[in-house]
Amino acid sequence: MSYQFSHEIPIYLQIMDIFRDRILSGQLSRGDQLPSVREVAMEYGVNPNTVQKAFFEMDRSELTQSERTAGRFVIASDELIDTLRQEQSQVALRDFIQRMKGLGITCEKTLALIEKGWKDE
């Protein structure tokens, strides 16, 4: 099965985003093992070198760590996860506000929609 990647962003960054989001959402926790490079490459229909680059960057970001013979594991600290969640929420909020302004929706109306949506979930 292949995945629909954006042509505007390098694939390795999109793969990083997928796994970072899994860590930030709690789908992957500290100590959990990631699938192998080959498994991810097959799942997303990409070259294993692309996945390796994504995983290397996640190691550099201290989200994961490769154990030579055992695989790659999530090592992200609670502090790092909190920081990344804050950064992601700021990006999402900025995008949302720009979209609402583009639609001509006022701040007051936006807040009312958010409150209603939050209660409905």
PDB file of N, CA and C in Angstrom:
ATOM      1  N   MET A   1       0.843  -1.177   0.000  1.00  0.00           N
ATOM      2  CA  MET A   1       0.000   0.000   0.000  1.00  0.00           C
ATOM      3  C   MET A   1       0.887   1.239   0.000  1.00  0.00           C
ATOM      4  N   SER A   2       0.525   2.248  -0.776  1.00  0.00           N
ATOM      5  CA  SER A   2       1.305   3.471  -0.750  1.00  0.00           C
ATOM      6  C   SER A   2       0.481   4.589  -0.129  1.00  0.00           C
ATOM      7  N   TYR A   3       1.150   5.622   0.277  1.00  0.00           N
ATOM      8  CA  TYR A   3       0.572   6.736   1.009  1.00  0.00           C
ATOM      9  C   TYR A   3       0.576   7.956   0.102  1.00  0.00           C
ATOM     10  N   GLN A   4      -0.390   8.835   0.260  1.00  0.00           N
ATOM     11  CA  GLN A   4      -0.450  10.052  -0.548  1.00  0.00           C
ATOM     12  C   GLN A   4       0.373  11.152   0.119  1.00  0.00           C
ATOM     13  N   PHE A   5       1.581  11.339  -0.333  1.00  0.00           N
ATOM     14  CA  PHE A   5       2.446  12.381   0.191  1.00  0.00           C
ATOM     15  C   PHE A   5       2.263  13.653  -0.611  1.00  0.00           C
ATOM     16  N   SER A   6       2.483  14.778   0.036  1.00  0.00           N
ATOM     17  CA  SER A   6       2.466  16.072  -0.631  1.00  0.00           C
ATOM     18  C   SER A   6       3.728  16.198  -1.481  1.00  0.00           C
ATOM     19  N   HIS A   7       3.601  16.806  -2.633  1.00  0.00           N
ATOM     20  CA  HIS A   7       4.758  17.018  -3.497  1.00  0.00           C
ATOM     21  C   HIS A   7       5.533  18.270  -3.089  1.00  0.00           C
ATOM     22  N   GLU A   8       4.980  19.041  -2.162  1.00  0.00           N
ATOM     23  CA  GLU A   8       5.580  20.311  -1.778  1.00  0.00           C
ATOM     24  C   GLU A   8       6.584  20.186  -0.627  1.00  0.00           C
ATOM     25  N   ILE A   9       6.532  19.064   0.097  1.00  0.00           N
ATOM     26  CA  ILE A   9       7.386  18.865   1.268  1.00  0.00           C
ATOM     27  C   ILE A   9       8.157  17.564   1.069  1.00  0.00           C
ATOM     28  N   PRO A  10       9.462  17.554   1.384  1.00  0.00           N
ATOM     29  CA  PRO A  10      10.222  16.311   1.228  1.00  0.00           C
ATOM     30  C   PRO A  10       9.560  15.153   1.985  1.00  0.00           C
ATOM     31  N   ILE A  11       9.581  13.990   1.368  1.00  0.00           N
ATOM     32  CA  ILE A  11       8.901  12.820   1.941  1.00  0.00           C
ATOM     33  C   ILE A  11       9.474  12.455   3.297  1.00  0.00           C
ATOM     34  N   TYR A  12      10.784  12.575   3.467  1.00  0.00           N
ATOM     35  CA  TYR A  12      11.349  12.190   4.757  1.00  0.00           C
ATOM     36  C   TYR A  12      10.799  13.067   5.881  1.00  0.00           C
ATOM     37  N   LEU A  13      10.539  14.354   5.596  1.00  0.00           N
ATOM     38  CA  LEU A  13       9.944  15.237   6.607  1.00  0.00           C
ATOM     39  C   LEU A  13       8.507  14.831   6.915  1.00  0.00           C
ATOM     40  N   GLN A  14       7.788  14.378   5.903  1.00  0.00           N
ATOM     41  CA  GLN A  14       6.410  13.936   6.119  1.00  0.00           C
ATOM     42  C   GLN A  14       6.373  12.652   6.952  1.00  0.00           C
ATOM     43  N   ILE A  15       7.340  11.771   6.720  1.00  0.00           N
ATOM     44  CA  ILE A  15       7.418  10.553   7.528  1.00  0.00           C
ATOM     45  C   ILE A  15       7.767  10.911   8.970  1.00  0.00           C
ATOM     46  N   MET A  16       8.687  11.851   9.139  1.00  0.00           N
ATOM     47  CA  MET A  16       9.003  12.326  10.488  1.00  0.00           C
ATOM     48  C   MET A  16       7.745  12.857  11.171  1.00  0.00           C
ATOM     49  N   ASP A  17       6.963  13.645  10.443  1.00  0.00           N
ATOM     50  CA  ASP A  17       5.725  14.206  10.996  1.00  0.00           C
ATOM     51  C   ASP A  17       4.768  13.112  11.443  1.00  0.00           C
ATOM     52  N   ILE A  18       4.645  12.061  10.642  1.00  0.00           N
ATOM     53  CA  ILE A  18       3.745  10.965  10.977  1.00  0.00           C
ATOM     54  C   ILE A  18       4.142  10.347  12.313  1.00  0.00           C
ATOM     55  N   PHE A  19       5.431  10.052  12.472  1.00  0.00           N
ATOM     56  CA  PHE A  19       5.879   9.395  13.700  1.00  0.00           C
ATOM     57  C   PHE A  19       5.946  10.362  14.872  1.00  0.00           C
ATOM     58  N   ARG A  20       6.311  11.629  14.621  1.00  0.00           N
ATOM     59  CA  ARG A  20       6.290  12.626  15.694  1.00  0.00           C
ATOM     60  C   ARG A  20       4.864  12.796  16.223  1.00  0.00           C
ATOM     61  N   ASP A  21       3.896  12.840  15.310  1.00  0.00           N
ATOM     62  CA  ASP A  21       2.507  12.982  15.736  1.00  0.00           C
ATOM     63  C   ASP A  21       2.042  11.778  16.555  1.00  0.00           C
ATOM     64  N   ARG A  22       2.516  10.594  16.199  1.00  0.00           N
ATOM     65  CA  ARG A  22       2.172   9.401  16.981  1.00  0.00           C
ATOM     66  C   ARG A  22       2.750   9.484  18.387  1.00  0.00           C
ATOM     67  N   ILE A  23       3.934  10.040  18.502  1.00  0.00           N
ATOM     68  CA  ILE A  23       4.554  10.209  19.819  1.00  0.00           C
ATOM     69  C   ILE A  23       3.808  11.277  20.613  1.00  0.00           C
ATOM     70  N   LEU A  24       3.513  12.407  19.979  1.00  0.00           N
ATOM     71  CA  LEU A  24       2.842  13.502  20.673  1.00  0.00           C
ATOM     72  C   LEU A  24       1.426  13.142  21.090  1.00  0.00           C
ATOM     73  N   SER A  25       0.763  12.289  20.317  1.00  0.00           N
ATOM     74  CA  SER A  25      -0.615  11.900  20.647  1.00  0.00           C
ATOM     75  C   SER A  25      -0.664  10.766  21.671  1.00  0.00           C
ATOM     76  N   GLY A  26       0.487  10.165  21.957  1.00  0.00           N
ATOM     77  CA  GLY A  26       0.518   9.068  22.916  1.00  0.00           C
ATOM     78  C   GLY A  26       0.339   7.695  22.290  1.00  0.00           C
ATOM     79  N   GLN A  27       0.189   7.639  20.970  1.00  0.00           N
ATOM     80  CA  GLN A  27       0.103   6.336  20.306  1.00  0.00           C
ATOM     81  C   GLN A  27       1.401   5.565  20.465  1.00  0.00           C
ATOM     82  N   LEU A  28       2.514   6.308  20.522  1.00  0.00           N
ATOM     83  CA  LEU A  28       3.822   5.726  20.813  1.00  0.00           C
ATOM     84  C   LEU A  28       4.346   6.389  22.077  1.00  0.00           C
ATOM     85  N   SER A  29       4.765   5.598  23.040  1.00  0.00           N
ATOM     86  CA  SER A  29       5.253   6.112  24.317  1.00  0.00           C
ATOM     87  C   SER A  29       6.723   5.786  24.498  1.00  0.00           C
ATOM     88  N   ARG A  30       7.329   6.440  25.480  1.00  0.00           N
ATOM     89  CA  ARG A  30       8.733   6.173  25.782  1.00  0.00           C
ATOM     90  C   ARG A  30       8.931   4.674  26.000  1.00  0.00           C
ATOM     91  N   GLY A  31       9.906   4.125  25.310  1.00  0.00           N
ATOM     92  CA  GLY A  31      10.206   2.702  25.412  1.00  0.00           C
ATOM     93  C   GLY A  31       9.598   1.869  24.297  1.00  0.00           C
ATOM     94  N   ASP A  32       8.615   2.407  23.588  1.00  0.00           N
ATOM     95  CA  ASP A  32       8.004   1.663  22.479  1.00  0.00           C
ATOM     96  C   ASP A  32       8.983   1.561  21.313  1.00  0.00           C
ATOM     97  N   GLN A  33       8.915   0.432  20.649  1.00  0.00           N
ATOM     98  CA  GLN A  33       9.782   0.204  19.492  1.00  0.00           C
ATOM     99  C   GLN A  33       9.068   0.639  18.223  1.00  0.00           C
ATOM    100  N   LEU A  34       9.802   1.318  17.353  1.00  0.00           N
ATOM    101  CA  LEU A  34       9.273   1.691  16.045  1.00  0.00           C
ATOM    102  C   LEU A  34       9.399   0.507  15.101  1.00  0.00           C
ATOM    103  N   PRO A  35       8.562   0.477  14.071  1.00  0.00           N
ATOM    104  CA  PRO A  35       8.731  -0.566  13.055  1.00  0.00           C
ATOM    105  C   PRO A  35      10.084  -0.388  12.367  1.00  0.00           C
ATOM    106  N   SER A  36      10.548  -1.432  11.715  1.00  0.00           N
ATOM    107  CA  SER A  36      11.840  -1.358  11.023  1.00  0.00           C
ATOM    108  C   SER A  36      11.739  -0.418   9.821  1.00  0.00           C
ATOM    109  N   VAL A  37      12.901   0.015   9.366  1.00  0.00           N
ATOM    110  CA  VAL A  37      12.983   0.873   8.182  1.00  0.00           C
ATOM    111  C   VAL A  37      12.299   0.190   7.000  1.00  0.00           C
ATOM    112  N   ARG A  38      12.567  -1.096   6.823  1.00  0.00           N
ATOM    113  CA  ARG A  38      11.974  -1.832   5.696  1.00  0.00           C
ATOM    114  C   ARG A  38      10.448  -1.895   5.805  1.00  0.00           C
ATOM    115  N   GLU A  39       9.947  -2.129   7.005  1.00  0.00           N
ATOM    116  CA  GLU A  39       8.488  -2.194   7.195  1.00  0.00           C
ATOM    117  C   GLU A  39       7.831  -0.863   6.847  1.00  0.00           C
ATOM    118  N   VAL A  40       8.422   0.221   7.315  1.00  0.00           N
ATOM    119  CA  VAL A  40       7.860   1.552   7.038  1.00  0.00           C
ATOM    120  C   VAL A  40       7.949   1.864   5.546  1.00  0.00           C
ATOM    121  N   ALA A  41       9.075   1.526   4.938  1.00  0.00           N
ATOM    122  CA  ALA A  41       9.241   1.767   3.496  1.00  0.00           C
ATOM    123  C   ALA A  41       8.173   1.028   2.695  1.00  0.00           C
ATOM    124  N   MET A  42       7.927  -0.216   3.072  1.00  0.00           N
ATOM    125  CA  MET A  42       6.899  -0.993   2.364  1.00  0.00           C
ATOM    126  C   MET A  42       5.503  -0.427   2.627  1.00  0.00           C
ATOM    127  N   GLU A  43       5.226  -0.073   3.874  1.00  0.00           N
ATOM    128  CA  GLU A  43       3.902   0.445   4.228  1.00  0.00           C
ATOM    129  C   GLU A  43       3.565   1.722   3.473  1.00  0.00           C
ATOM    130  N   TYR A  44       4.553   2.616   3.320  1.00  0.00           N
ATOM    131  CA  TYR A  44       4.305   3.907   2.684  1.00  0.00           C
ATOM    132  C   TYR A  44       4.740   3.966   1.225  1.00  0.00           C
ATOM    133  N   GLY A  45       5.303   2.879   0.724  1.00  0.00           N
ATOM    134  CA  GLY A  45       5.688   2.830  -0.682  1.00  0.00           C
ATOM    135  C   GLY A  45       6.812   3.782  -1.030  1.00  0.00           C
ATOM    136  N   VAL A  46       7.823   3.871  -0.138  1.00  0.00           N
ATOM    137  CA  VAL A  46       8.952   4.771  -0.375  1.00  0.00           C
ATOM    138  C   VAL A  46      10.258   3.991  -0.298  1.00  0.00           C
ATOM    139  N   ASN A  47      11.316   4.638  -0.712  1.00  0.00           N
ATOM    140  CA  ASN A  47      12.650   4.050  -0.662  1.00  0.00           C
ATOM    141  C   ASN A  47      13.098   3.925   0.799  1.00  0.00           C
ATOM    142  N   PRO A  48      13.710   2.808   1.181  1.00  0.00           N
ATOM    143  CA  PRO A  48      14.202   2.657   2.560  1.00  0.00           C
ATOM    144  C   PRO A  48      15.176   3.763   2.977  1.00  0.00           C
ATOM    145  N   ASN A  49      15.936   4.312   2.035  1.00  0.00           N
ATOM    146  CA  ASN A  49      16.853   5.407   2.378  1.00  0.00           C
ATOM    147  C   ASN A  49      16.100   6.645   2.859  1.00  0.00           C
ATOM    148  N   THR A  50      14.915   6.857   2.310  1.00  0.00           N
ATOM    149  CA  THR A  50      14.084   7.985   2.728  1.00  0.00           C
ATOM    150  C   THR A  50      13.639   7.794   4.175  1.00  0.00           C
ATOM    151  N   VAL A  51      13.215   6.589   4.503  1.00  0.00           N
ATOM    152  CA  VAL A  51      12.793   6.288   5.875  1.00  0.00           C
ATOM    153  C   VAL A  51      13.988   6.401   6.814  1.00  0.00           C
ATOM    154  N   GLN A  52      15.140   5.878   6.384  1.00  0.00           N
ATOM    155  CA  GLN A  52      16.346   5.950   7.214  1.00  0.00           C
ATOM    156  C   GLN A  52      16.688   7.400   7.532  1.00  0.00           C
ATOM    157  N   LYS A  53      16.552   8.291   6.537  1.00  0.00           N
ATOM    158  CA  LYS A  53      16.831   9.709   6.759  1.00  0.00           C
ATOM    159  C   LYS A  53      15.855  10.298   7.773  1.00  0.00           C
ATOM    160  N   ALA A  54      14.578   9.946   7.650  1.00  0.00           N
ATOM    161  CA  ALA A  54      13.567  10.431   8.600  1.00  0.00           C
ATOM    162  C   ALA A  54      13.893   9.947  10.010  1.00  0.00           C
ATOM    163  N   PHE A  55      14.215   8.677  10.133  1.00  0.00           N
ATOM    164  CA  PHE A  55      14.529   8.109  11.442  1.00  0.00           C
ATOM    165  C   PHE A  55      15.809   8.715  12.023  1.00  0.00           C
ATOM    166  N   PHE A  56      16.807   8.963  11.174  1.00  0.00           N
ATOM    167  CA  PHE A  56      18.042   9.591  11.639  1.00  0.00           C
ATOM    168  C   PHE A  56      17.744  10.973  12.211  1.00  0.00           C
ATOM    169  N   GLU A  57      16.894  11.728  11.527  1.00  0.00           N
ATOM    170  CA  GLU A  57      16.537  13.067  12.001  1.00  0.00           C
ATOM    171  C   GLU A  57      15.742  13.001  13.317  1.00  0.00           C
ATOM    172  N   MET A  58      14.925  11.966  13.473  1.00  0.00           N
ATOM    173  CA  MET A  58      14.198  11.793  14.730  1.00  0.00           C
ATOM    174  C   MET A  58      15.172  11.457  15.860  1.00  0.00           C
ATOM    175  N   ASP A  59      16.207  10.691  15.558  1.00  0.00           N
ATOM    176  CA  ASP A  59      17.253  10.414  16.541  1.00  0.00           C
ATOM    177  C   ASP A  59      17.973  11.711  16.927  1.00  0.00           C
ATOM    178  N   ARG A  60      18.308  12.519  15.920  1.00  0.00           N
ATOM    179  CA  ARG A  60      18.986  13.799  16.183  1.00  0.00           C
ATOM    180  C   ARG A  60      18.131  14.733  17.022  1.00  0.00           C
ATOM    181  N   SER A  61      16.810  14.641  16.863  1.00  0.00           N
ATOM    182  CA  SER A  61      15.869  15.478  17.615  1.00  0.00           C
ATOM    183  C   SER A  61      15.571  14.918  18.999  1.00  0.00           C
ATOM    184  N   GLU A  62      16.197  13.796  19.322  1.00  0.00           N
ATOM    185  CA  GLU A  62      16.034  13.132  20.616  1.00  0.00           C
ATOM    186  C   GLU A  62      14.612  12.624  20.866  1.00  0.00           C
ATOM    187  N   LEU A  63      13.929  12.311  19.768  1.00  0.00           N
ATOM    188  CA  LEU A  63      12.621  11.649  19.887  1.00  0.00           C
ATOM    189  C   LEU A  63      12.807  10.145  19.994  1.00  0.00           C
ATOM    190  N   THR A  64      13.793   9.636  19.254  1.00  0.00           N
ATOM    191  CA  THR A  64      14.040   8.200  19.204  1.00  0.00           C
ATOM    192  C   THR A  64      15.532   7.937  19.353  1.00  0.00           C
ATOM    193  N   GLN A  65      15.845   6.674  19.575  1.00  0.00           N
ATOM    194  CA  GLN A  65      17.243   6.265  19.640  1.00  0.00           C
ATOM    195  C   GLN A  65      17.352   4.875  19.049  1.00  0.00           C
ATOM    196  N   SER A  66      18.375   4.691  18.234  1.00  0.00           N
ATOM    197  CA  SER A  66      18.607   3.395  17.619  1.00  0.00           C
ATOM    198  C   SER A  66      19.506   2.571  18.533  1.00  0.00           C
ATOM    199  N   GLU A  67      19.045   1.381  18.841  1.00  0.00           N
ATOM    200  CA  GLU A  67      19.844   0.416  19.592  1.00  0.00           C
ATOM    201  C   GLU A  67      20.377  -0.566  18.558  1.00  0.00           C
ATOM    202  N   ARG A  68      21.639  -0.635  18.418  1.00  0.00           N
ATOM    203  CA  ARG A  68      22.304  -1.336  17.327  1.00  0.00           C
ATOM    204  C   ARG A  68      21.626  -2.630  16.882  1.00  0.00           C
ATOM    205  N   THR A  69      21.373  -3.541  17.768  1.00  0.00           N
ATOM    206  CA  THR A  69      20.820  -4.839  17.363  1.00  0.00           C
ATOM    207  C   THR A  69      19.355  -5.011  17.733  1.00  0.00           C
ATOM    208  N   ALA A  70      18.821  -4.103  18.537  1.00  0.00           N
ATOM    209  CA  ALA A  70      17.461  -4.287  19.043  1.00  0.00           C
ATOM    210  C   ALA A  70      16.406  -3.488  18.294  1.00  0.00           C
ATOM    211  N   GLY A  71      16.820  -2.457  17.560  1.00  0.00           N
ATOM    212  CA  GLY A  71      15.852  -1.636  16.836  1.00  0.00           C
ATOM    213  C   GLY A  71      15.889  -0.190  17.295  1.00  0.00           C
ATOM    214  N   ARG A  72      14.848   0.528  16.962  1.00  0.00           N
ATOM    215  CA  ARG A  72      14.755   1.954  17.307  1.00  0.00           C
ATOM    216  C   ARG A  72      13.606   2.144  18.283  1.00  0.00           C
ATOM    217  N   PHE A  73      13.855   2.947  19.329  1.00  0.00           N
ATOM    218  CA  PHE A  73      12.895   3.114  20.410  1.00  0.00           C
ATOM    219  C   PHE A  73      12.619   4.587  20.677  1.00  0.00           C
ATOM    220  N   VAL A  74      11.413   4.862  21.157  1.00  0.00           N
ATOM    221  CA  VAL A  74      11.037   6.215  21.559  1.00  0.00           C
ATOM    222  C   VAL A  74      11.751   6.532  22.869  1.00  0.00           C
ATOM    223  N   ILE A  75      12.442   7.677  22.908  1.00  0.00           N
ATOM    224  CA  ILE A  75      13.136   8.100  24.125  1.00  0.00           C
ATOM    225  C   ILE A  75      12.730   9.514  24.550  1.00  0.00           C
ATOM    226  N   ALA A  76      11.797  10.128  23.855  1.00  0.00           N
ATOM    227  CA  ALA A  76      11.437  11.527  24.087  1.00  0.00           C
ATOM    228  C   ALA A  76      11.060  11.755  25.551  1.00  0.00           C
ATOM    229  N   SER A  77      11.636  12.789  26.132  1.00  0.00           N
ATOM    230  CA  SER A  77      11.318  13.152  27.509  1.00  0.00           C
ATOM    231  C   SER A  77       9.956  13.841  27.553  1.00  0.00           C
ATOM    232  N   ASP A  78       9.358  13.854  28.736  1.00  0.00           N
ATOM    233  CA  ASP A  78       8.080  14.556  28.906  1.00  0.00           C
ATOM    234  C   ASP A  78       8.235  16.031  28.572  1.00  0.00           C
ATOM    235  N   GLU A  79       9.362  16.614  28.942  1.00  0.00           N
ATOM    236  CA  GLU A  79       9.618  18.032  28.663  1.00  0.00           C
ATOM    237  C   GLU A  79       9.663  18.290  27.158  1.00  0.00           C
ATOM    238  N   LEU A  80      10.358  17.425  26.413  1.00  0.00           N
ATOM    239  CA  LEU A  80      10.435  17.574  24.956  1.00  0.00           C
ATOM    240  C   LEU A  80       9.052  17.413  24.325  1.00  0.00           C
ATOM    241  N   ILE A  81       8.297  16.440  24.785  1.00  0.00           N
ATOM    242  CA  ILE A  81       6.949  16.229  24.253  1.00  0.00           C
ATOM    243  C   ILE A  81       6.077  17.443  24.518  1.00  0.00           C
ATOM    244  N   ASP A  82       6.139  17.990  25.732  1.00  0.00           N
ATOM    245  CA  ASP A  82       5.359  19.190  26.051  1.00  0.00           C
ATOM    246  C   ASP A  82       5.752  20.364  25.160  1.00  0.00           C
ATOM    247  N   THR A  83       7.054  20.535  24.945  1.00  0.00           N
ATOM    248  CA  THR A  83       7.541  21.625  24.090  1.00  0.00           C
ATOM    249  C   THR A  83       7.042  21.448  22.658  1.00  0.00           C
ATOM    250  N   LEU A  84       7.137  20.238  22.138  1.00  0.00           N
ATOM    251  CA  LEU A  84       6.690  19.984  20.760  1.00  0.00           C
ATOM    252  C   LEU A  84       5.179  20.138  20.624  1.00  0.00           C
ATOM    253  N   ARG A  85       4.439  19.697  21.629  1.00  0.00           N
ATOM    254  CA  ARG A  85       2.975  19.887  21.600  1.00  0.00           C
ATOM    255  C   ARG A  85       2.636  21.369  21.562  1.00  0.00           C
ATOM    256  N   GLN A  86       3.347  22.150  22.365  1.00  0.00           N
ATOM    257  CA  GLN A  86       3.114  23.600  22.394  1.00  0.00           C
ATOM    258  C   GLN A  86       3.412  24.211  21.028  1.00  0.00           C
ATOM    259  N   GLU A  87       4.531  23.809  20.422  1.00  0.00           N
ATOM    260  CA  GLU A  87       4.889  24.326  19.100  1.00  0.00           C
ATOM    261  C   GLU A  87       3.845  23.945  18.059  1.00  0.00           C
ATOM    262  N   GLN A  88       3.404  22.690  18.068  1.00  0.00           N
ATOM    263  CA  GLN A  88       2.410  22.220  17.106  1.00  0.00           C
ATOM    264  C   GLN A  88       1.072  22.936  17.303  1.00  0.00           C
ATOM    265  N   SER A  89       0.710  23.168  18.566  1.00  0.00           N
ATOM    266  CA  SER A  89      -0.563  23.843  18.821  1.00  0.00           C
ATOM    267  C   SER A  89      -0.510  25.288  18.336  1.00  0.00           C
ATOM    268  N   GLN A  90       0.651  25.936  18.463  1.00  0.00           N
ATOM    269  CA  GLN A  90       0.792  27.315  17.983  1.00  0.00           C
ATOM    270  C   GLN A  90       0.669  27.377  16.460  1.00  0.00           C
ATOM    271  N   VAL A  91       1.261  26.420  15.773  1.00  0.00           N
ATOM    272  CA  VAL A  91       1.163  26.373  14.307  1.00  0.00           C
ATOM    273  C   VAL A  91      -0.290  26.143  13.898  1.00  0.00           C
ATOM    274  N   ALA A  92      -0.948  25.176  14.536  1.00  0.00           N
ATOM    275  CA  ALA A  92      -2.347  24.878  14.205  1.00  0.00           C
ATOM    276  C   ALA A  92      -3.244  26.081  14.498  1.00  0.00           C
ATOM    277  N   LEU A  93      -2.989  26.744  15.601  1.00  0.00           N
ATOM    278  CA  LEU A  93      -3.791  27.911  15.971  1.00  0.00           C
ATOM    279  C   LEU A  93      -3.605  29.046  14.974  1.00  0.00           C
ATOM    280  N   ARG A  94      -2.357  29.294  14.596  1.00  0.00           N
ATOM    281  CA  ARG A  94      -2.083  30.359  13.628  1.00  0.00           C
ATOM    282  C   ARG A  94      -2.777  30.070  12.296  1.00  0.00           C
ATOM    283  N   ASP A  95      -2.695  28.816  11.832  1.00  0.00           N
ATOM    284  CA  ASP A  95      -3.358  28.434  10.584  1.00  0.00           C
ATOM    285  C   ASP A  95      -4.871  28.586  10.683  1.00  0.00           C
ATOM    286  N   PHE A  96      -5.423  28.161  11.819  1.00  0.00           N
ATOM    287  CA  PHE A  96      -6.865  28.243  12.039  1.00  0.00           C
ATOM    288  C   PHE A  96      -7.334  29.701  12.033  1.00  0.00           C
ATOM    289  N   ILE A  97      -6.611  30.559  12.737  1.00  0.00           N
ATOM    290  CA  ILE A  97      -6.991  31.975  12.799  1.00  0.00           C
ATOM    291  C   ILE A  97      -6.940  32.613  11.412  1.00  0.00           C
ATOM    292  N   GLN A  98      -5.895  32.311  10.660  1.00  0.00           N
ATOM    293  CA  GLN A  98      -5.791  32.860   9.305  1.00  0.00           C
ATOM    294  C   GLN A  98      -6.955  32.382   8.442  1.00  0.00           C
ATOM    295  N   ARG A  99      -7.333  31.130   8.591  1.00  0.00           N
ATOM    296  CA  ARG A  99      -8.449  30.569   7.813  1.00  0.00           C
ATOM    297  C   ARG A  99      -9.762  31.255   8.194  1.00  0.00           C
ATOM    298  N   MET A 100     -10.000  31.434   9.482  1.00  0.00           N
ATOM    299  CA  MET A 100     -11.241  32.075   9.932  1.00  0.00           C
ATOM    300  C   MET A 100     -11.301  33.529   9.467  1.00  0.00           C
ATOM    301  N   LYS A 101     -10.179  34.225   9.558  1.00  0.00           N
ATOM    302  CA  LYS A 101     -10.134  35.609   9.074  1.00  0.00           C
ATOM    303  C   LYS A 101     -10.400  35.653   7.572  1.00  0.00           C
ATOM    304  N   GLY A 102      -9.822  34.690   6.855  1.00  0.00           N
ATOM    305  CA  GLY A 102     -10.032  34.612   5.411  1.00  0.00           C
ATOM    306  C   GLY A 102     -11.487  34.378   5.046  1.00  0.00           C
ATOM    307  N   LEU A 103     -12.206  33.693   5.921  1.00  0.00           N
ATOM    308  CA  LEU A 103     -13.634  33.451   5.700  1.00  0.00           C
ATOM    309  C   LEU A 103     -14.492  34.622   6.169  1.00  0.00           C
ATOM    310  N   GLY A 104     -13.856  35.615   6.764  1.00  0.00           N
ATOM    311  CA  GLY A 104     -14.587  36.787   7.234  1.00  0.00           C
ATOM    312  C   GLY A 104     -15.335  36.554   8.537  1.00  0.00           C
ATOM    313  N   ILE A 105     -14.892  35.590   9.327  1.00  0.00           N
ATOM    314  CA  ILE A 105     -15.559  35.275  10.590  1.00  0.00           C
ATOM    315  C   ILE A 105     -14.858  36.034  11.713  1.00  0.00           C
ATOM    316  N   THR A 106     -15.645  36.725  12.532  1.00  0.00           N
ATOM    317  CA  THR A 106     -15.094  37.548  13.610  1.00  0.00           C
ATOM    318  C   THR A 106     -14.526  36.684  14.733  1.00  0.00           C
ATOM    319  N   CYS A 107     -13.742  37.321  15.573  1.00  0.00           N
ATOM    320  CA  CYS A 107     -13.159  36.636  16.731  1.00  0.00           C
ATOM    321  C   CYS A 107     -14.269  36.108  17.634  1.00  0.00           C
ATOM    322  N   GLU A 108     -15.271  36.924  17.884  1.00  0.00           N
ATOM    323  CA  GLU A 108     -16.373  36.526  18.771  1.00  0.00           C
ATOM    324  C   GLU A 108     -17.112  35.304  18.211  1.00  0.00           C
ATOM    325  N   LYS A 109     -17.396  35.325  16.918  1.00  0.00           N
ATOM    326  CA  LYS A 109     -18.081  34.202  16.277  1.00  0.00           C
ATOM    327  C   LYS A 109     -17.189  32.958  16.297  1.00  0.00           C
ATOM    328  N   THR A 110     -15.896  33.157  16.066  1.00  0.00           N
ATOM    329  CA  THR A 110     -14.959  32.043  16.098  1.00  0.00           C
ATOM    330  C   THR A 110     -14.938  31.401  17.480  1.00  0.00           C
ATOM    331  N   LEU A 111     -14.874  32.222  18.518  1.00  0.00           N
ATOM    332  CA  LEU A 111     -14.870  31.694  19.889  1.00  0.00           C
ATOM    333  C   LEU A 111     -16.154  30.925  20.190  1.00  0.00           C
ATOM    334  N   ALA A 112     -17.279  31.438  19.714  1.00  0.00           N
ATOM    335  CA  ALA A 112     -18.559  30.749  19.923  1.00  0.00           C
ATOM    336  C   ALA A 112     -18.560  29.400  19.195  1.00  0.00           C
ATOM    337  N   LEU A 113     -18.023  29.366  17.991  1.00  0.00           N
ATOM    338  CA  LEU A 113     -17.952  28.115  17.242  1.00  0.00           C
ATOM    339  C   LEU A 113     -17.036  27.100  17.935  1.00  0.00           C
ATOM    340  N   ILE A 114     -15.934  27.592  18.470  1.00  0.00           N
ATOM    341  CA  ILE A 114     -15.011  26.709  19.186  1.00  0.00           C
ATOM    342  C   ILE A 114     -15.696  26.127  20.424  1.00  0.00           C
ATOM    343  N   GLU A 115     -16.344  26.961  21.202  1.00  0.00           N
ATOM    344  CA  GLU A 115     -17.028  26.485  22.410  1.00  0.00           C
ATOM    345  C   GLU A 115     -18.089  25.444  22.064  1.00  0.00           C
ATOM    346  N   LYS A 116     -18.867  25.709  21.029  1.00  0.00           N
ATOM    347  CA  LYS A 116     -19.895  24.765  20.628  1.00  0.00           C
ATOM    348  C   LYS A 116     -19.271  23.441  20.150  1.00  0.00           C
ATOM    349  N   GLY A 117     -18.254  23.564  19.322  1.00  0.00           N
ATOM    350  CA  GLY A 117     -17.581  22.377  18.818  1.00  0.00           C
ATOM    351  C   GLY A 117     -16.932  21.561  19.922  1.00  0.00           C
ATOM    352  N   TRP A 118     -16.356  22.235  20.900  1.00  0.00           N
ATOM    353  CA  TRP A 118     -15.703  21.547  22.021  1.00  0.00           C
ATOM    354  C   TRP A 118     -16.725  20.767  22.824  1.00  0.00           C
ATOM    355  N   LYS A 119     -17.895  21.351  23.042  1.00  0.00           N
ATOM    356  CA  LYS A 119     -18.952  20.682  23.802  1.00  0.00           C
ATOM    357  C   LYS A 119     -19.544  19.511  23.028  1.00  0.00           C
ATOM    358  N   ASP A 120     -19.652  19.672  21.695  1.00  0.00           N
ATOM    359  CA  ASP A 120     -20.247  18.629  20.860  1.00  0.00           C
ATOM    360  C   ASP A 120     -19.354  17.402  20.718  1.00  0.00           C
ATOM    361  N   GLU A 121     -18.054  17.580  20.916  1.00  0.00           N
ATOM    362  CA  GLU A 121     -17.126  16.442  20.803  1.00  0.00           C
ATOM    363  C   GLU A 121     -17.258  15.643  22.054  1.00  0.00           C
TER     364      GLU A 121
END
